[in-house]
């Protein structure tokens, strides 16, 4: 076995094939700040469709009839089957409620968009600046007390 590799040498990985763990981790990370924008909690929710208005009532009724049922999927499947079997006349009250909620949503969205177009009020900005400065003042106080102790 002259010129042959020893067992330890054959078990070692080829350095060309080795993965640089530190480099791979930094390359895999996405740059901060990119991605979806944060949702505005003040934005009105979209109105439910006629089916979801129906689901609200059906869910209550189904849970009364089947109190031992814990599966959400069973409620959805039963509601879907019943919705498909209903006529347009039976669906009409749910569609009317849905349209009413849609009108309310559009009204609230117009008010929301108008408020957004005006931009943030001066009072809100001042409050945020004050809170930032208060936090910085507290940090400065802590650092200042630490510096005084070091000088002694």
N, C-alpha and C. Protein backbone atom coordinates (compact mmCIF):
# COMPACT_ATOMS: atom_id res chain seq x y z
N UNK A 1 0.81 -1.18 0.00
CA UNK A 1 0.00 0.00 0.00
C UNK A 1 0.86 1.25 0.00
N UNK A 2 1.91 1.21 -0.71
CA UNK A 2 2.74 2.39 -0.80
C UNK A 2 2.01 3.44 -1.61
N UNK A 3 2.09 4.68 -1.15
CA UNK A 3 1.47 5.78 -1.86
C UNK A 3 -0.02 5.86 -1.62
N UNK A 4 -0.59 4.91 -0.89
CA UNK A 4 -2.01 4.93 -0.59
C UNK A 4 -2.31 5.90 0.54
N UNK A 5 -3.53 6.33 0.63
CA UNK A 5 -3.93 7.25 1.67
C UNK A 5 -4.25 6.48 2.94
N UNK A 6 -3.92 7.05 4.09
CA UNK A 6 -4.28 6.42 5.35
C UNK A 6 -5.78 6.63 5.59
N UNK A 7 -6.29 5.91 6.57
CA UNK A 7 -7.73 5.99 6.87
C UNK A 7 -8.14 7.40 7.26
N UNK A 8 -7.33 8.08 8.04
CA UNK A 8 -7.69 9.42 8.48
C UNK A 8 -7.71 10.41 7.32
N UNK A 9 -6.78 10.25 6.40
CA UNK A 9 -6.73 11.15 5.26
C UNK A 9 -7.92 10.94 4.33
N UNK A 10 -8.36 9.71 4.18
CA UNK A 10 -9.48 9.43 3.28
C UNK A 10 -10.80 9.92 3.88
N UNK A 11 -10.89 9.99 5.21
CA UNK A 11 -12.12 10.45 5.86
C UNK A 11 -12.25 11.96 5.82
N UNK A 12 -11.15 12.68 5.70
CA UNK A 12 -11.19 14.13 5.68
C UNK A 12 -11.88 14.61 4.41
N UNK A 13 -12.63 15.66 4.56
CA UNK A 13 -13.33 16.22 3.41
C UNK A 13 -12.36 17.05 2.59
N UNK A 14 -12.60 17.08 1.31
CA UNK A 14 -11.79 17.88 0.41
C UNK A 14 -12.01 19.35 0.76
N UNK A 15 -10.96 20.14 1.00
CA UNK A 15 -11.14 21.54 1.40
C UNK A 15 -11.86 22.36 0.34
N UNK A 16 -11.82 21.96 -0.90
CA UNK A 16 -12.53 22.68 -1.95
C UNK A 16 -14.04 22.50 -1.81
N UNK A 17 -14.45 21.38 -1.23
CA UNK A 17 -15.87 21.10 -1.07
C UNK A 17 -16.42 21.59 0.27
N UNK A 18 -15.55 22.02 1.14
CA UNK A 18 -15.99 22.46 2.46
C UNK A 18 -16.84 23.72 2.35
N UNK A 19 -17.82 23.84 3.24
CA UNK A 19 -18.71 24.98 3.26
C UNK A 19 -18.26 25.94 4.34
N UNK A 20 -18.11 27.18 3.96
CA UNK A 20 -17.76 28.20 4.94
C UNK A 20 -19.03 28.60 5.67
N UNK A 21 -19.16 28.15 6.92
CA UNK A 21 -20.40 28.38 7.66
C UNK A 21 -20.65 29.85 7.91
N UNK A 22 -19.62 30.59 8.25
CA UNK A 22 -19.80 32.02 8.52
C UNK A 22 -20.22 32.75 7.26
N UNK A 23 -19.59 32.47 6.16
CA UNK A 23 -19.92 33.13 4.90
C UNK A 23 -21.29 32.75 4.41
N UNK A 24 -21.66 31.50 4.58
CA UNK A 24 -22.97 31.05 4.12
C UNK A 24 -24.09 31.70 4.92
N UNK A 25 -23.84 31.90 6.20
CA UNK A 25 -24.88 32.50 7.03
C UNK A 25 -25.11 33.96 6.66
N UNK A 26 -24.03 34.67 6.35
CA UNK A 26 -24.21 36.07 6.01
C UNK A 26 -24.81 36.24 4.62
N UNK A 27 -24.51 35.35 3.72
CA UNK A 27 -25.07 35.44 2.37
C UNK A 27 -26.55 35.09 2.37
N UNK A 28 -26.97 34.17 3.23
CA UNK A 28 -28.35 33.72 3.27
C UNK A 28 -29.29 34.78 3.86
N UNK A 29 -28.77 35.67 4.66
CA UNK A 29 -29.61 36.68 5.29
C UNK A 29 -30.11 37.68 4.26
N UNK A 30 -31.33 38.12 4.47
CA UNK A 30 -31.89 39.14 3.60
C UNK A 30 -31.56 40.50 4.19
N UNK A 31 -31.34 41.48 3.35
CA UNK A 31 -31.05 42.81 3.89
C UNK A 31 -32.23 43.34 4.70
N UNK A 32 -31.92 44.02 5.76
CA UNK A 32 -32.98 44.57 6.62
C UNK A 32 -33.71 45.67 5.88
N UNK A 33 -34.99 45.80 6.16
CA UNK A 33 -35.77 46.87 5.56
C UNK A 33 -36.50 46.45 4.30
N UNK A 34 -36.17 45.32 3.76
CA UNK A 34 -36.86 44.87 2.56
C UNK A 34 -37.93 43.87 2.96
N UNK A 35 -38.99 43.81 2.20
CA UNK A 35 -40.07 42.88 2.49
C UNK A 35 -41.38 43.62 2.54
N UNK A 36 -42.35 43.01 3.18
CA UNK A 36 -43.68 43.61 3.25
C UNK A 36 -43.67 44.82 4.19
N UNK A 37 -44.44 45.79 3.82
CA UNK A 37 -44.61 46.95 4.68
C UNK A 37 -45.53 46.57 5.84
N UNK A 38 -45.34 47.18 6.96
CA UNK A 38 -46.17 46.88 8.13
C UNK A 38 -47.60 47.35 7.88
N UNK A 39 -48.56 46.56 8.36
CA UNK A 39 -49.97 46.92 8.20
C UNK A 39 -50.33 48.03 9.18
N UNK A 40 -51.20 48.90 8.72
CA UNK A 40 -51.67 49.99 9.57
C UNK A 40 -52.82 49.46 10.43
N UNK A 41 -52.69 49.47 11.75
CA UNK A 41 -53.77 48.95 12.60
C UNK A 41 -55.03 49.80 12.55
N UNK A 42 -54.94 51.04 12.07
CA UNK A 42 -56.11 51.92 12.00
C UNK A 42 -56.91 51.73 10.72
N UNK A 43 -56.36 50.99 9.76
CA UNK A 43 -57.05 50.80 8.49
C UNK A 43 -58.26 49.90 8.71
N UNK A 44 -59.42 50.27 8.14
CA UNK A 44 -60.63 49.45 8.33
C UNK A 44 -60.48 48.07 7.69
N UNK A 45 -61.09 47.08 8.32
CA UNK A 45 -61.07 45.72 7.78
C UNK A 45 -62.03 45.62 6.61
N UNK A 46 -61.69 44.75 5.66
CA UNK A 46 -62.57 44.53 4.52
C UNK A 46 -63.85 43.86 5.00
N UNK A 47 -64.95 44.16 4.34
CA UNK A 47 -66.23 43.56 4.77
C UNK A 47 -66.31 42.09 4.36
N UNK A 48 -67.03 41.28 5.13
CA UNK A 48 -67.17 39.87 4.77
C UNK A 48 -68.11 39.70 3.58
N UNK A 49 -67.88 38.63 2.84
CA UNK A 49 -68.78 38.32 1.73
C UNK A 49 -70.08 37.74 2.29
N UNK A 50 -71.04 37.51 1.41
CA UNK A 50 -72.33 36.96 1.85
C UNK A 50 -72.13 35.60 2.51
N UNK A 51 -71.21 34.81 1.99
CA UNK A 51 -70.95 33.49 2.58
C UNK A 51 -70.43 33.62 4.01
N UNK A 52 -69.55 34.56 4.26
CA UNK A 52 -69.01 34.70 5.61
C UNK A 52 -70.04 35.28 6.57
N UNK A 53 -70.95 36.09 6.08
CA UNK A 53 -72.06 36.56 6.92
C UNK A 53 -72.91 35.35 7.30
N UNK A 54 -73.15 34.48 6.32
CA UNK A 54 -73.89 33.24 6.57
C UNK A 54 -73.14 32.36 7.57
N UNK A 55 -71.83 32.30 7.43
CA UNK A 55 -71.01 31.46 8.33
C UNK A 55 -71.12 31.90 9.78
N UNK A 56 -71.24 33.21 10.02
CA UNK A 56 -71.36 33.70 11.40
C UNK A 56 -72.56 33.08 12.08
N UNK A 57 -73.70 33.07 11.40
CA UNK A 57 -74.92 32.50 11.98
C UNK A 57 -74.86 30.98 11.99
N UNK A 58 -74.36 30.41 10.92
CA UNK A 58 -74.32 28.94 10.82
C UNK A 58 -73.40 28.35 11.89
N UNK A 59 -72.29 29.01 12.17
CA UNK A 59 -71.34 28.52 13.16
C UNK A 59 -72.00 28.41 14.53
N UNK A 60 -72.77 29.43 14.92
CA UNK A 60 -73.47 29.40 16.21
C UNK A 60 -74.46 28.23 16.26
N UNK A 61 -75.24 28.09 15.20
CA UNK A 61 -76.23 27.02 15.13
C UNK A 61 -75.55 25.64 15.15
N UNK A 62 -74.50 25.49 14.38
CA UNK A 62 -73.80 24.20 14.28
C UNK A 62 -73.19 23.81 15.62
N UNK A 63 -72.62 24.78 16.33
CA UNK A 63 -72.01 24.48 17.64
C UNK A 63 -73.05 24.09 18.68
N UNK A 64 -74.27 24.63 18.57
CA UNK A 64 -75.34 24.23 19.48
C UNK A 64 -75.77 22.80 19.19
N UNK A 65 -75.86 22.45 17.92
CA UNK A 65 -76.29 21.11 17.53
C UNK A 65 -75.21 20.06 17.76
N UNK A 66 -73.94 20.45 17.64
CA UNK A 66 -72.81 19.54 17.80
C UNK A 66 -71.83 20.09 18.82
N UNK A 67 -72.17 20.07 20.10
CA UNK A 67 -71.29 20.68 21.11
C UNK A 67 -69.97 19.92 21.29
N UNK A 68 -69.94 18.62 20.95
CA UNK A 68 -68.72 17.84 21.13
C UNK A 68 -67.75 18.00 19.97
N UNK A 69 -68.16 18.65 18.89
CA UNK A 69 -67.30 18.82 17.72
C UNK A 69 -66.28 19.91 17.97
N UNK A 70 -64.99 19.58 17.82
CA UNK A 70 -63.92 20.54 18.04
C UNK A 70 -63.23 20.93 16.73
N UNK A 71 -63.53 20.24 15.64
CA UNK A 71 -62.85 20.47 14.37
C UNK A 71 -63.46 21.67 13.63
N UNK A 72 -62.62 22.63 13.32
CA UNK A 72 -63.06 23.80 12.59
C UNK A 72 -63.41 23.41 11.16
N UNK A 73 -62.67 22.46 10.63
CA UNK A 73 -62.89 22.05 9.25
C UNK A 73 -64.28 21.44 9.06
N UNK A 74 -64.78 20.75 10.07
CA UNK A 74 -66.10 20.14 9.98
C UNK A 74 -67.18 21.21 9.85
N UNK A 75 -67.02 22.30 10.58
CA UNK A 75 -67.99 23.40 10.51
C UNK A 75 -67.94 24.01 9.11
N UNK A 76 -66.76 24.24 8.60
CA UNK A 76 -66.61 24.83 7.28
C UNK A 76 -67.17 23.96 6.17
N UNK A 77 -66.93 22.66 6.28
CA UNK A 77 -67.45 21.74 5.26
C UNK A 77 -68.97 21.69 5.29
N UNK A 78 -69.53 21.63 6.49
CA UNK A 78 -70.98 21.59 6.62
C UNK A 78 -71.61 22.89 6.11
N UNK A 79 -70.98 24.01 6.43
CA UNK A 79 -71.50 25.30 5.98
C UNK A 79 -71.42 25.42 4.46
N UNK A 80 -70.31 24.97 3.90
CA UNK A 80 -70.15 25.02 2.45
C UNK A 80 -71.19 24.17 1.74
N UNK A 81 -71.45 22.99 2.29
CA UNK A 81 -72.45 22.10 1.69
C UNK A 81 -73.84 22.73 1.76
N UNK A 82 -74.16 23.33 2.91
CA UNK A 82 -75.47 23.96 3.05
C UNK A 82 -75.59 25.17 2.14
N UNK A 83 -74.53 25.98 2.04
CA UNK A 83 -74.54 27.17 1.19
C UNK A 83 -74.78 26.80 -0.27
N UNK A 84 -74.14 25.72 -0.72
CA UNK A 84 -74.33 25.28 -2.10
C UNK A 84 -75.75 24.82 -2.37
N UNK A 85 -76.37 24.23 -1.35
CA UNK A 85 -77.73 23.71 -1.54
C UNK A 85 -78.80 24.80 -1.43
N UNK A 86 -78.44 25.98 -0.93
CA UNK A 86 -79.40 27.06 -0.76
C UNK A 86 -79.73 27.71 -2.10
N UNK A 87 -80.95 28.21 -2.20
CA UNK A 87 -81.37 28.93 -3.41
C UNK A 87 -80.95 30.39 -3.28
N UNK A 88 -81.04 31.13 -4.37
CA UNK A 88 -80.69 32.55 -4.34
C UNK A 88 -81.60 33.33 -3.39
N UNK A 89 -82.86 32.91 -3.30
CA UNK A 89 -83.81 33.58 -2.41
C UNK A 89 -83.39 33.38 -0.95
N UNK A 90 -82.88 32.20 -0.63
CA UNK A 90 -82.42 31.92 0.74
C UNK A 90 -81.13 32.67 1.05
N UNK A 91 -80.31 32.91 0.03
CA UNK A 91 -79.04 33.62 0.21
C UNK A 91 -79.23 35.14 0.26
N UNK A 92 -80.37 35.63 -0.20
CA UNK A 92 -80.61 37.07 -0.32
C UNK A 92 -80.40 37.86 0.97
N UNK A 93 -80.90 37.39 2.13
CA UNK A 93 -80.69 38.20 3.35
C UNK A 93 -79.20 38.35 3.70
N UNK A 94 -78.42 37.32 3.42
CA UNK A 94 -76.98 37.38 3.71
C UNK A 94 -76.28 38.32 2.74
N UNK A 95 -76.72 38.30 1.48
CA UNK A 95 -76.16 39.21 0.49
C UNK A 95 -76.50 40.66 0.85
N UNK A 96 -77.72 40.89 1.35
CA UNK A 96 -78.12 42.24 1.74
C UNK A 96 -77.27 42.74 2.92
N UNK A 97 -77.03 41.88 3.91
CA UNK A 97 -76.19 42.25 5.04
C UNK A 97 -74.77 42.55 4.57
N UNK A 98 -74.30 41.73 3.63
CA UNK A 98 -72.96 41.92 3.10
C UNK A 98 -72.84 43.25 2.37
N UNK A 99 -73.85 43.59 1.58
CA UNK A 99 -73.84 44.87 0.87
C UNK A 99 -73.88 46.05 1.84
N UNK A 100 -74.64 45.91 2.91
CA UNK A 100 -74.73 46.97 3.92
C UNK A 100 -73.36 47.19 4.56
N UNK A 101 -72.69 46.10 4.89
CA UNK A 101 -71.36 46.20 5.49
C UNK A 101 -70.35 46.77 4.49
N UNK A 102 -70.55 46.44 3.22
CA UNK A 102 -69.65 46.96 2.18
C UNK A 102 -69.78 48.47 2.07
N UNK A 103 -71.00 48.98 2.14
CA UNK A 103 -71.23 50.44 2.08
C UNK A 103 -70.58 51.12 3.28
N UNK A 104 -70.73 50.52 4.46
CA UNK A 104 -70.10 51.08 5.66
C UNK A 104 -68.58 51.07 5.53
N UNK A 105 -68.05 49.99 4.96
CA UNK A 105 -66.61 49.87 4.77
C UNK A 105 -66.10 50.95 3.82
N UNK A 106 -66.81 51.15 2.71
CA UNK A 106 -66.39 52.16 1.75
C UNK A 106 -66.41 53.56 2.37
N UNK A 107 -67.40 53.80 3.21
CA UNK A 107 -67.49 55.09 3.90
C UNK A 107 -66.30 55.27 4.84
N UNK A 108 -66.00 54.24 5.61
CA UNK A 108 -64.88 54.33 6.54
C UNK A 108 -63.54 54.40 5.81
N UNK A 109 -63.44 53.77 4.64
CA UNK A 109 -62.21 53.84 3.86
C UNK A 109 -62.00 55.24 3.29
N UNK A 110 -63.09 55.89 2.86
CA UNK A 110 -62.96 57.27 2.38
C UNK A 110 -62.45 58.18 3.50
N UNK A 111 -62.99 57.99 4.70
CA UNK A 111 -62.54 58.79 5.85
C UNK A 111 -61.08 58.47 6.18
N UNK A 112 -60.72 57.20 6.11
CA UNK A 112 -59.35 56.77 6.39
C UNK A 112 -58.38 57.35 5.37
N UNK A 113 -58.74 57.26 4.08
CA UNK A 113 -57.87 57.79 3.03
C UNK A 113 -57.73 59.31 3.13
N UNK A 114 -58.81 59.97 3.50
CA UNK A 114 -58.76 61.42 3.67
C UNK A 114 -57.80 61.77 4.81
N UNK A 115 -57.87 61.01 5.88
CA UNK A 115 -57.00 61.23 7.03
C UNK A 115 -55.54 60.96 6.64
N UNK A 116 -55.31 59.94 5.82
CA UNK A 116 -53.96 59.61 5.38
C UNK A 116 -53.41 60.69 4.46
N UNK A 117 -54.28 61.27 3.62
CA UNK A 117 -53.85 62.31 2.69
C UNK A 117 -53.43 63.56 3.45
N UNK A 118 -54.10 63.84 4.56
CA UNK A 118 -53.74 65.00 5.38
C UNK A 118 -52.38 64.82 6.01
N UNK A 119 -51.99 63.58 6.21
CA UNK A 119 -50.70 63.30 6.82
C UNK A 119 -50.79 63.32 8.32
N UNK A 120 -49.72 62.94 8.97
CA UNK A 120 -49.73 62.94 10.44
C UNK A 120 -49.82 64.36 10.97
N UNK A 121 -50.53 64.50 12.06
CA UNK A 121 -50.69 65.82 12.67
C UNK A 121 -49.42 66.20 13.41
N UNK A 122 -49.24 67.48 13.63
CA UNK A 122 -48.05 67.96 14.33
C UNK A 122 -47.96 67.43 15.74
N UNK A 123 -49.10 67.24 16.40
CA UNK A 123 -49.11 66.76 17.78
C UNK A 123 -48.53 65.36 17.91
N UNK A 124 -48.82 64.51 16.93
CA UNK A 124 -48.29 63.15 16.99
C UNK A 124 -46.78 63.15 16.85
N UNK A 125 -46.25 63.99 15.95
CA UNK A 125 -44.81 64.04 15.77
C UNK A 125 -44.12 64.55 17.02
N UNK A 126 -44.70 65.57 17.66
CA UNK A 126 -44.09 66.11 18.86
C UNK A 126 -44.04 65.07 19.96
N UNK A 127 -45.11 64.29 20.08
CA UNK A 127 -45.13 63.26 21.10
C UNK A 127 -44.04 62.24 20.85
N UNK A 128 -43.87 61.82 19.59
CA UNK A 128 -42.86 60.82 19.30
C UNK A 128 -41.46 61.39 19.54
N UNK A 129 -41.24 62.67 19.19
CA UNK A 129 -39.94 63.28 19.44
C UNK A 129 -39.68 63.38 20.93
N UNK A 130 -40.71 63.72 21.69
CA UNK A 130 -40.55 63.83 23.13
C UNK A 130 -40.18 62.48 23.73
N UNK A 131 -40.86 61.42 23.26
CA UNK A 131 -40.58 60.11 23.82
C UNK A 131 -39.17 59.67 23.48
N UNK A 132 -38.70 60.00 22.28
CA UNK A 132 -37.33 59.65 21.90
C UNK A 132 -36.34 60.43 22.74
N UNK A 133 -36.60 61.73 22.92
CA UNK A 133 -35.66 62.54 23.70
C UNK A 133 -35.67 62.10 25.16
N UNK A 134 -36.82 61.72 25.69
CA UNK A 134 -36.88 61.25 27.07
C UNK A 134 -36.05 59.97 27.23
N UNK A 135 -36.13 59.09 26.25
CA UNK A 135 -35.35 57.86 26.32
C UNK A 135 -33.88 58.19 26.26
N UNK A 136 -33.49 59.12 25.37
CA UNK A 136 -32.09 59.52 25.27
C UNK A 136 -31.61 60.21 26.53
N UNK A 137 -32.48 61.02 27.15
CA UNK A 137 -32.10 61.68 28.39
C UNK A 137 -31.83 60.66 29.48
N UNK A 138 -32.67 59.64 29.56
CA UNK A 138 -32.47 58.61 30.56
C UNK A 138 -31.16 57.88 30.32
N UNK A 139 -30.84 57.59 29.06
CA UNK A 139 -29.58 56.92 28.74
C UNK A 139 -28.40 57.80 29.11
N UNK A 140 -28.51 59.10 28.82
CA UNK A 140 -27.44 60.03 29.14
C UNK A 140 -27.22 60.10 30.65
N UNK A 141 -28.31 60.09 31.42
CA UNK A 141 -28.19 60.14 32.87
C UNK A 141 -27.46 58.91 33.39
N UNK A 142 -27.81 57.75 32.84
CA UNK A 142 -27.16 56.52 33.29
C UNK A 142 -25.68 56.53 32.94
N UNK A 143 -25.36 56.99 31.70
CA UNK A 143 -23.97 57.04 31.30
C UNK A 143 -23.20 58.06 32.13
N UNK A 144 -23.84 59.19 32.41
CA UNK A 144 -23.19 60.24 33.19
C UNK A 144 -22.87 59.74 34.59
N UNK A 145 -23.77 59.01 35.21
CA UNK A 145 -23.51 58.51 36.55
C UNK A 145 -22.40 57.48 36.51
N UNK A 146 -22.33 56.71 35.44
CA UNK A 146 -21.26 55.71 35.32
C UNK A 146 -19.92 56.37 35.14
N UNK A 147 -19.87 57.49 34.39
CA UNK A 147 -18.60 58.18 34.17
C UNK A 147 -18.09 58.80 35.46
N UNK A 148 -19.02 59.32 36.28
CA UNK A 148 -18.61 59.94 37.52
C UNK A 148 -17.98 58.91 38.45
N UNK A 149 -18.52 57.70 38.46
CA UNK A 149 -17.98 56.65 39.31
C UNK A 149 -16.59 56.23 38.84
N UNK A 150 -16.39 56.23 37.50
CA UNK A 150 -15.08 55.84 36.97
C UNK A 150 -14.01 56.86 37.32
N UNK A 151 -14.40 58.15 37.38
CA UNK A 151 -13.42 59.20 37.67
C UNK A 151 -12.96 59.13 39.11
N UNK A 152 -13.76 58.66 40.03
CA UNK A 152 -13.40 58.63 41.46
C UNK A 152 -12.33 57.67 41.75
